[in-house]
Amino acid sequence: ESFENSVPIAFKHILDAENQKLFKESKSKIVL
């Protein structure tokens, strides 16, 4: 199901600081 520009993030790491920063800085829609 993988998309060309997808970011792999394990569910258990969804709240890691670098991932939260990625989500906050994203100006586009986040599709999980």
PDB file of all heavy atoms in Angstrom:
ATOM      1  N   GLU A   1       0.819  -1.201   0.000  1.00  0.00           N
ATOM      2  CA  GLU A   1       0.000   0.000   0.000  1.00  0.00           C
ATOM      3  C   GLU A   1       0.862   1.264   0.000  1.00  0.00           C
ATOM      4  O   GLU A   1       0.361   2.366  -0.034  1.00  0.00           O
ATOM      5  CB  GLU A   1      -0.871  -0.045   1.263  1.00  0.00           C
ATOM      6  CG  GLU A   1      -2.037   0.882   1.319  1.00  0.00           C
ATOM      7  CD  GLU A   1      -3.202   0.472   0.448  1.00  0.00           C
ATOM      8  OE1 GLU A   1      -3.477  -0.714   0.324  1.00  0.00           O
ATOM      9  OE2 GLU A   1      -3.830   1.387  -0.104  1.00  0.00           O
ATOM     10  N   SER A   2       2.163   1.123   0.046  1.00  0.00           N
ATOM     11  CA  SER A   2       3.085   2.234   0.228  1.00  0.00           C
ATOM     12  C   SER A   2       2.998   3.267  -0.899  1.00  0.00           C
ATOM     13  O   SER A   2       2.858   2.919  -2.062  1.00  0.00           O
ATOM     14  CB  SER A   2       4.519   1.698   0.328  1.00  0.00           C
ATOM     15  OG  SER A   2       5.389   2.739   0.637  1.00  0.00           O
ATOM     16  N   PHE A   3       3.114   4.528  -0.518  1.00  0.00           N
ATOM     17  CA  PHE A   3       3.092   5.620  -1.481  1.00  0.00           C
ATOM     18  C   PHE A   3       4.515   6.092  -1.726  1.00  0.00           C
ATOM     19  O   PHE A   3       5.415   5.907  -0.898  1.00  0.00           O
ATOM     20  CB  PHE A   3       2.237   6.774  -0.960  1.00  0.00           C
ATOM     21  CG  PHE A   3       0.775   6.443  -0.938  1.00  0.00           C
ATOM     22  CD1 PHE A   3       0.191   5.884   0.183  1.00  0.00           C
ATOM     23  CD2 PHE A   3      -0.010   6.683  -2.053  1.00  0.00           C
ATOM     24  CE1 PHE A   3      -1.151   5.577   0.200  1.00  0.00           C
ATOM     25  CE2 PHE A   3      -1.361   6.377  -2.041  1.00  0.00           C
ATOM     26  CZ  PHE A   3      -1.929   5.822  -0.909  1.00  0.00           C
ATOM     27  N   GLU A   4       4.703   6.744  -2.843  1.00  0.00           N
ATOM     28  CA  GLU A   4       6.023   7.171  -3.280  1.00  0.00           C
ATOM     29  C   GLU A   4       6.737   8.056  -2.255  1.00  0.00           C
ATOM     30  O   GLU A   4       7.898   7.868  -1.954  1.00  0.00           O
ATOM     31  CB  GLU A   4       5.864   7.913  -4.609  1.00  0.00           C
ATOM     32  CG  GLU A   4       7.147   8.227  -5.312  1.00  0.00           C
ATOM     33  CD  GLU A   4       6.869   8.829  -6.665  1.00  0.00           C
ATOM     34  OE1 GLU A   4       6.190   8.187  -7.483  1.00  0.00           O
ATOM     35  OE2 GLU A   4       7.331   9.957  -6.889  1.00  0.00           O
ATOM     36  N   ASN A   5       6.051   9.020  -1.718  1.00  0.00           N
ATOM     37  CA  ASN A   5       6.675   9.968  -0.794  1.00  0.00           C
ATOM     38  C   ASN A   5       6.247   9.750   0.656  1.00  0.00           C
ATOM     39  O   ASN A   5       6.150  10.696   1.421  1.00  0.00           O
ATOM     40  CB  ASN A   5       6.375  11.397  -1.225  1.00  0.00           C
ATOM     41  CG  ASN A   5       4.894  11.672  -1.320  1.00  0.00           C
ATOM     42  OD1 ASN A   5       4.083  10.761  -1.265  1.00  0.00           O
ATOM     43  ND2 ASN A   5       4.537  12.926  -1.454  1.00  0.00           N
ATOM     44  N   SER A   6       5.986   8.507   1.029  1.00  0.00           N
ATOM     45  CA  SER A   6       5.512   8.240   2.389  1.00  0.00           C
ATOM     46  C   SER A   6       6.666   8.226   3.385  1.00  0.00           C
ATOM     47  O   SER A   6       7.800   7.910   3.046  1.00  0.00           O
ATOM     48  CB  SER A   6       4.752   6.918   2.442  1.00  0.00           C
ATOM     49  OG  SER A   6       5.626   5.850   2.213  1.00  0.00           O
ATOM     50  N   VAL A   7       6.334   8.585   4.610  1.00  0.00           N
ATOM     51  CA  VAL A   7       7.292   8.591   5.707  1.00  0.00           C
ATOM     52  C   VAL A   7       6.975   7.402   6.602  1.00  0.00           C
ATOM     53  O   VAL A   7       5.870   7.321   7.141  1.00  0.00           O
ATOM     54  CB  VAL A   7       7.180   9.901   6.522  1.00  0.00           C
ATOM     55  CG1 VAL A   7       8.141   9.898   7.692  1.00  0.00           C
ATOM     56  CG2 VAL A   7       7.395  11.103   5.637  1.00  0.00           C
ATOM     57  N   PRO A   8       7.912   6.456   6.750  1.00  0.00           N
ATOM     58  CA  PRO A   8       7.628   5.320   7.626  1.00  0.00           C
ATOM     59  C   PRO A   8       7.851   5.685   9.096  1.00  0.00           C
ATOM     60  O   PRO A   8       8.933   6.094   9.492  1.00  0.00           O
ATOM     61  CB  PRO A   8       8.627   4.254   7.164  1.00  0.00           C
ATOM     62  CG  PRO A   8       9.752   5.035   6.584  1.00  0.00           C
ATOM     63  CD  PRO A   8       9.180   6.313   6.045  1.00  0.00           C
ATOM     64  N   ILE A   9       6.801   5.572   9.875  1.00  0.00           N
ATOM     65  CA  ILE A   9       6.882   5.834  11.316  1.00  0.00           C
ATOM     66  C   ILE A   9       6.146   4.693  12.007  1.00  0.00           C
ATOM     67  O   ILE A   9       4.948   4.503  11.773  1.00  0.00           O
ATOM     68  CB  ILE A   9       6.234   7.178  11.707  1.00  0.00           C
ATOM     69  CG1 ILE A   9       6.929   8.343  11.015  1.00  0.00           C
ATOM     70  CG2 ILE A   9       6.247   7.361  13.214  1.00  0.00           C
ATOM     71  CD1 ILE A   9       6.248   9.686  11.233  1.00  0.00           C
ATOM     72  N   ALA A  10       6.845   3.950  12.820  1.00  0.00           N
ATOM     73  CA  ALA A  10       6.189   2.874  13.570  1.00  0.00           C
ATOM     74  C   ALA A  10       5.185   3.491  14.538  1.00  0.00           C
ATOM     75  O   ALA A  10       5.428   4.560  15.108  1.00  0.00           O
ATOM     76  CB  ALA A  10       7.216   2.047  14.323  1.00  0.00           C
ATOM     77  N   PHE A  11       4.070   2.810  14.733  1.00  0.00           N
ATOM     78  CA  PHE A  11       3.017   3.336  15.601  1.00  0.00           C
ATOM     79  C   PHE A  11       3.547   3.683  16.991  1.00  0.00           C
ATOM     80  O   PHE A  11       3.182   4.698  17.563  1.00  0.00           O
ATOM     81  CB  PHE A  11       1.859   2.340  15.706  1.00  0.00           C
ATOM     82  CG  PHE A  11       0.808   2.764  16.684  1.00  0.00           C
ATOM     83  CD1 PHE A  11      -0.037   3.812  16.394  1.00  0.00           C
ATOM     84  CD2 PHE A  11       0.685   2.134  17.910  1.00  0.00           C
ATOM     85  CE1 PHE A  11      -1.003   4.218  17.298  1.00  0.00           C
ATOM     86  CE2 PHE A  11      -0.271   2.533  18.819  1.00  0.00           C
ATOM     87  CZ  PHE A  11      -1.122   3.577  18.506  1.00  0.00           C
ATOM     88  N   LYS A  12       4.433   2.863  17.517  1.00  0.00           N
ATOM     89  CA  LYS A  12       4.932   3.109  18.871  1.00  0.00           C
ATOM     90  C   LYS A  12       5.806   4.360  18.952  1.00  0.00           C
ATOM     91  O   LYS A  12       6.061   4.866  20.033  1.00  0.00           O
ATOM     92  CB  LYS A  12       5.690   1.890  19.400  1.00  0.00           C
ATOM     93  CG  LYS A  12       6.935   1.545  18.633  1.00  0.00           C
ATOM     94  CD  LYS A  12       7.585   0.295  19.191  1.00  0.00           C
ATOM     95  CE  LYS A  12       8.804  -0.093  18.385  1.00  0.00           C
ATOM     96  NZ  LYS A  12       9.430  -1.297  18.894  1.00  0.00           N
ATOM     97  N   HIS A  13       6.223   4.903  17.798  1.00  0.00           N
ATOM     98  CA  HIS A  13       7.058   6.111  17.779  1.00  0.00           C
ATOM     99  C   HIS A  13       6.297   7.346  17.304  1.00  0.00           C
ATOM    100  O   HIS A  13       6.907   8.376  17.029  1.00  0.00           O
ATOM    101  CB  HIS A  13       8.283   5.890  16.887  1.00  0.00           C
ATOM    102  CG  HIS A  13       9.180   4.804  17.363  1.00  0.00           C
ATOM    103  ND1 HIS A  13       9.880   4.882  18.541  1.00  0.00           N
ATOM    104  CD2 HIS A  13       9.478   3.595  16.827  1.00  0.00           C
ATOM    105  CE1 HIS A  13      10.579   3.775  18.714  1.00  0.00           C
ATOM    106  NE2 HIS A  13      10.343   2.974  17.690  1.00  0.00           N
ATOM    107  N   ILE A  14       4.988   7.249  17.237  1.00  0.00           N
ATOM    108  CA  ILE A  14       4.188   8.354  16.709  1.00  0.00           C
ATOM    109  C   ILE A  14       4.310   9.617  17.570  1.00  0.00           C
ATOM    110  O   ILE A  14       4.197  10.725  17.072  1.00  0.00           O
ATOM    111  CB  ILE A  14       2.707   7.923  16.546  1.00  0.00           C
ATOM    112  CG1 ILE A  14       1.957   8.865  15.617  1.00  0.00           C
ATOM    113  CG2 ILE A  14       1.984   7.853  17.852  1.00  0.00           C
ATOM    114  CD1 ILE A  14       2.135   8.584  14.190  1.00  0.00           C
ATOM    115  N   LEU A  15       4.603   9.457  18.859  1.00  0.00           N
ATOM    116  CA  LEU A  15       4.696  10.614  19.757  1.00  0.00           C
ATOM    117  C   LEU A  15       6.129  11.075  20.009  1.00  0.00           C
ATOM    118  O   LEU A  15       6.343  11.963  20.830  1.00  0.00           O
ATOM    119  CB  LEU A  15       4.016  10.286  21.091  1.00  0.00           C
ATOM    120  CG  LEU A  15       2.516  10.047  21.018  1.00  0.00           C
ATOM    121  CD1 LEU A  15       1.966   9.674  22.376  1.00  0.00           C
ATOM    122  CD2 LEU A  15       1.793  11.244  20.453  1.00  0.00           C
ATOM    123  N   ASP A  16       7.089  10.504  19.305  1.00  0.00           N
ATOM    124  CA  ASP A  16       8.479  10.947  19.461  1.00  0.00           C
ATOM    125  C   ASP A  16       8.605  12.412  19.057  1.00  0.00           C
ATOM    126  O   ASP A  16       7.861  12.901  18.194  1.00  0.00           O
ATOM    127  CB  ASP A  16       9.420  10.091  18.616  1.00  0.00           C
ATOM    128  CG  ASP A  16       9.586   8.686  19.170  1.00  0.00           C
ATOM    129  OD1 ASP A  16       9.047   8.410  20.263  1.00  0.00           O
ATOM    130  OD2 ASP A  16      10.249   7.867  18.502  1.00  0.00           O
ATOM    131  N   ALA A  17       9.555  13.096  19.651  1.00  0.00           N
ATOM    132  CA  ALA A  17       9.700  14.537  19.438  1.00  0.00           C
ATOM    133  C   ALA A  17       9.928  14.882  17.965  1.00  0.00           C
ATOM    134  O   ALA A  17       9.332  15.834  17.446  1.00  0.00           O
ATOM    135  CB  ALA A  17      10.848  15.076  20.291  1.00  0.00           C
ATOM    136  N   GLU A  18      10.784  14.113  17.275  1.00  0.00           N
ATOM    137  CA  GLU A  18      11.052  14.448  15.872  1.00  0.00           C
ATOM    138  C   GLU A  18       9.832  14.221  14.988  1.00  0.00           C
ATOM    139  O   GLU A  18       9.616  14.951  14.018  1.00  0.00           O
ATOM    140  CB  GLU A  18      12.263  13.688  15.322  1.00  0.00           C
ATOM    141  CG  GLU A  18      12.068  12.189  15.179  1.00  0.00           C
ATOM    142  CD  GLU A  18      12.619  11.382  16.327  1.00  0.00           C
ATOM    143  OE1 GLU A  18      13.050  11.953  17.344  1.00  0.00           O
ATOM    144  OE2 GLU A  18      12.630  10.154  16.201  1.00  0.00           O
ATOM    145  N   ASN A  19       8.995  13.243  15.340  1.00  0.00           N
ATOM    146  CA  ASN A  19       7.781  13.011  14.565  1.00  0.00           C
ATOM    147  C   ASN A  19       6.743  14.094  14.830  1.00  0.00           C
ATOM    148  O   ASN A  19       6.066  14.551  13.907  1.00  0.00           O
ATOM    149  CB  ASN A  19       7.212  11.629  14.869  1.00  0.00           C
ATOM    150  CG  ASN A  19       8.148  10.530  14.423  1.00  0.00           C
ATOM    151  OD1 ASN A  19       8.908  10.694  13.477  1.00  0.00           O
ATOM    152  ND2 ASN A  19       8.116   9.412  15.111  1.00  0.00           N
ATOM    153  N   GLN A  20       6.612  14.521  16.071  1.00  0.00           N
ATOM    154  CA  GLN A  20       5.694  15.615  16.375  1.00  0.00           C
ATOM    155  C   GLN A  20       6.126  16.894  15.662  1.00  0.00           C
ATOM    156  O   GLN A  20       5.291  17.654  15.175  1.00  0.00           O
ATOM    157  CB  GLN A  20       5.612  15.840  17.882  1.00  0.00           C
ATOM    158  CG  GLN A  20       4.785  14.800  18.581  1.00  0.00           C
ATOM    159  CD  GLN A  20       4.487  15.186  20.009  1.00  0.00           C
ATOM    160  OE1 GLN A  20       4.408  16.364  20.350  1.00  0.00           O
ATOM    161  NE2 GLN A  20       4.309  14.196  20.856  1.00  0.00           N
ATOM    162  N   LYS A  21       7.426  17.112  15.602  1.00  0.00           N
ATOM    163  CA  LYS A  21       7.948  18.278  14.893  1.00  0.00           C
ATOM    164  C   LYS A  21       7.597  18.195  13.408  1.00  0.00           C
ATOM    165  O   LYS A  21       7.199  19.191  12.804  1.00  0.00           O
ATOM    166  CB  LYS A  21       9.466  18.359  15.080  1.00  0.00           C
ATOM    167  CG  LYS A  21      10.090  19.566  14.455  1.00  0.00           C
ATOM    168  CD  LYS A  21      11.585  19.600  14.698  1.00  0.00           C
ATOM    169  CE  LYS A  21      12.205  20.787  13.980  1.00  0.00           C
ATOM    170  NZ  LYS A  21      13.662  20.791  14.080  1.00  0.00           N
ATOM    171  N   LEU A  22       7.722  17.012  12.832  1.00  0.00           N
ATOM    172  CA  LEU A  22       7.361  16.796  11.433  1.00  0.00           C
ATOM    173  C   LEU A  22       5.894  17.127  11.200  1.00  0.00           C
ATOM    174  O   LEU A  22       5.542  17.813  10.233  1.00  0.00           O
ATOM    175  CB  LEU A  22       7.653  15.341  11.033  1.00  0.00           C
ATOM    176  CG  LEU A  22       7.207  14.902   9.646  1.00  0.00           C
ATOM    177  CD1 LEU A  22       8.100  15.536   8.582  1.00  0.00           C
ATOM    178  CD2 LEU A  22       7.225  13.399   9.536  1.00  0.00           C
ATOM    179  N   PHE A  23       5.018  16.667  12.091  1.00  0.00           N
ATOM    180  CA  PHE A  23       3.591  16.929  11.947  1.00  0.00           C
ATOM    181  C   PHE A  23       3.275  18.416  12.106  1.00  0.00           C
ATOM    182  O   PHE A  23       2.455  18.963  11.376  1.00  0.00           O
ATOM    183  CB  PHE A  23       2.778  16.119  12.959  1.00  0.00           C
ATOM    184  CG  PHE A  23       2.920  14.632  12.794  1.00  0.00           C
ATOM    185  CD1 PHE A  23       2.997  13.809  13.898  1.00  0.00           C
ATOM    186  CD2 PHE A  23       2.987  14.051  11.542  1.00  0.00           C
ATOM    187  CE1 PHE A  23       3.124  12.439  13.755  1.00  0.00           C
ATOM    188  CE2 PHE A  23       3.112  12.678  11.382  1.00  0.00           C
ATOM    189  CZ  PHE A  23       3.190  11.875  12.504  1.00  0.00           C
ATOM    190  N   LYS A  24       3.919  19.062  13.059  1.00  0.00           N
ATOM    191  CA  LYS A  24       3.664  20.487  13.292  1.00  0.00           C
ATOM    192  C   LYS A  24       4.127  21.339  12.129  1.00  0.00           C
ATOM    193  O   LYS A  24       3.496  22.333  11.787  1.00  0.00           O
ATOM    194  CB  LYS A  24       4.363  20.941  14.579  1.00  0.00           C
ATOM    195  CG  LYS A  24       3.677  20.464  15.830  1.00  0.00           C
ATOM    196  CD  LYS A  24       4.422  20.901  17.070  1.00  0.00           C
ATOM    197  CE  LYS A  24       3.783  20.299  18.306  1.00  0.00           C
ATOM    198  NZ  LYS A  24       4.565  20.559  19.522  1.00  0.00           N
ATOM    199  N   GLU A  25       5.249  20.969  11.513  1.00  0.00           N
ATOM    200  CA  GLU A  25       5.806  21.766  10.423  1.00  0.00           C
ATOM    201  C   GLU A  25       5.147  21.482   9.081  1.00  0.00           C
ATOM    202  O   GLU A  25       5.329  22.238   8.129  1.00  0.00           O
ATOM    203  CB  GLU A  25       7.319  21.526  10.326  1.00  0.00           C
ATOM    204  CG  GLU A  25       8.073  22.085  11.506  1.00  0.00           C
ATOM    205  CD  GLU A  25       9.555  21.747  11.476  1.00  0.00           C
ATOM    206  OE1 GLU A  25       9.981  20.941  10.620  1.00  0.00           O
ATOM    207  OE2 GLU A  25      10.284  22.296  12.325  1.00  0.00           O
ATOM    208  N   SER A  26       4.397  20.402   8.990  1.00  0.00           N
ATOM    209  CA  SER A  26       3.761  20.033   7.734  1.00  0.00           C
ATOM    210  C   SER A  26       2.627  20.994   7.415  1.00  0.00           C
ATOM    211  O   SER A  26       1.724  21.199   8.218  1.00  0.00           O
ATOM    212  CB  SER A  26       3.231  18.605   7.810  1.00  0.00           C
ATOM    213  OG  SER A  26       2.537  18.291   6.634  1.00  0.00           O
ATOM    214  N   LYS A  27       2.667  21.561   6.239  1.00  0.00           N
ATOM    215  CA  LYS A  27       1.613  22.459   5.793  1.00  0.00           C
ATOM    216  C   LYS A  27       0.573  21.710   4.962  1.00  0.00           C
ATOM    217  O   LYS A  27      -0.473  22.244   4.632  1.00  0.00           O
ATOM    218  CB  LYS A  27       2.209  23.596   4.976  1.00  0.00           C
ATOM    219  CG  LYS A  27       3.263  24.372   5.752  1.00  0.00           C
ATOM    220  CD  LYS A  27       3.157  25.833   5.522  1.00  0.00           C
ATOM    221  CE  LYS A  27       4.237  26.642   6.165  1.00  0.00           C
ATOM    222  NZ  LYS A  27       4.466  26.445   7.531  1.00  0.00           N
ATOM    223  N   SER A  28       0.858  20.467   4.637  1.00  0.00           N
ATOM    224  CA  SER A  28      -0.066  19.671   3.831  1.00  0.00           C
ATOM    225  C   SER A  28      -0.890  18.754   4.730  1.00  0.00           C
ATOM    226  O   SER A  28      -0.630  18.627   5.921  1.00  0.00           O
ATOM    227  CB  SER A  28       0.711  18.855   2.807  1.00  0.00           C
ATOM    228  OG  SER A  28       1.709  18.091   3.441  1.00  0.00           O
ATOM    229  N   LYS A  29      -1.875  18.111   4.137  1.00  0.00           N
ATOM    230  CA  LYS A  29      -2.717  17.178   4.885  1.00  0.00           C
ATOM    231  C   LYS A  29      -1.904  15.923   5.207  1.00  0.00           C
ATOM    232  O   LYS A  29      -1.159  15.422   4.375  1.00  0.00           O
ATOM    233  CB  LYS A  29      -3.938  16.790   4.057  1.00  0.00           C
ATOM    234  CG  LYS A  29      -4.892  17.935   3.834  1.00  0.00           C
ATOM    235  CD  LYS A  29      -6.077  17.502   3.008  1.00  0.00           C
ATOM    236  CE  LYS A  29      -7.020  18.667   2.782  1.00  0.00           C
ATOM    237  NZ  LYS A  29      -8.153  18.281   1.929  1.00  0.00           N
ATOM    238  N   ILE A  30      -2.071  15.425   6.416  1.00  0.00           N
ATOM    239  CA  ILE A  30      -1.365  14.228   6.869  1.00  0.00           C
ATOM    240  C   ILE A  30      -2.309  13.041   6.697  1.00  0.00           C
ATOM    241  O   ILE A  30      -3.397  13.027   7.272  1.00  0.00           O
ATOM    242  CB  ILE A  30      -0.928  14.372   8.338  1.00  0.00           C
ATOM    243  CG1 ILE A  30      -0.017  15.587   8.497  1.00  0.00           C
ATOM    244  CG2 ILE A  30      -0.251  13.102   8.819  1.00  0.00           C
ATOM    245  CD1 ILE A  30       0.228  15.995   9.934  1.00  0.00           C
ATOM    246  N   VAL A  31      -1.884  12.073   5.900  1.00  0.00           N
ATOM    247  CA  VAL A  31      -2.705  10.893   5.641  1.00  0.00           C
ATOM    248  C   VAL A  31      -2.039   9.695   6.304  1.00  0.00           C
ATOM    249  O   VAL A  31      -0.912   9.333   5.965  1.00  0.00           O
ATOM    250  CB  VAL A  31      -2.871  10.645   4.124  1.00  0.00           C
ATOM    251  CG1 VAL A  31      -3.710   9.393   3.883  1.00  0.00           C
ATOM    252  CG2 VAL A  31      -3.491  11.845   3.455  1.00  0.00           C
ATOM    253  N   LEU A  32      -2.741   9.101   7.247  1.00  0.00           N
ATOM    254  CA  LEU A  32      -2.234   7.939   7.975  1.00  0.00           C
ATOM    255  C   LEU A  32      -2.765   6.665   7.346  1.00  0.00           C
ATOM    256  O   LEU A  32      -3.940   6.582   6.994  1.00  0.00           O
ATOM    257  CB  LEU A  32      -2.684   7.994   9.435  1.00  0.00           C
ATOM    258  CG  LEU A  32      -2.337   9.245  10.236  1.00  0.00           C
ATOM    259  CD1 LEU A  32      -3.019   9.198  11.587  1.00  0.00           C
ATOM    260  CD2 LEU A  32      -0.845   9.378  10.394  1.00  0.00           C
TER     261      LEU A  32
END
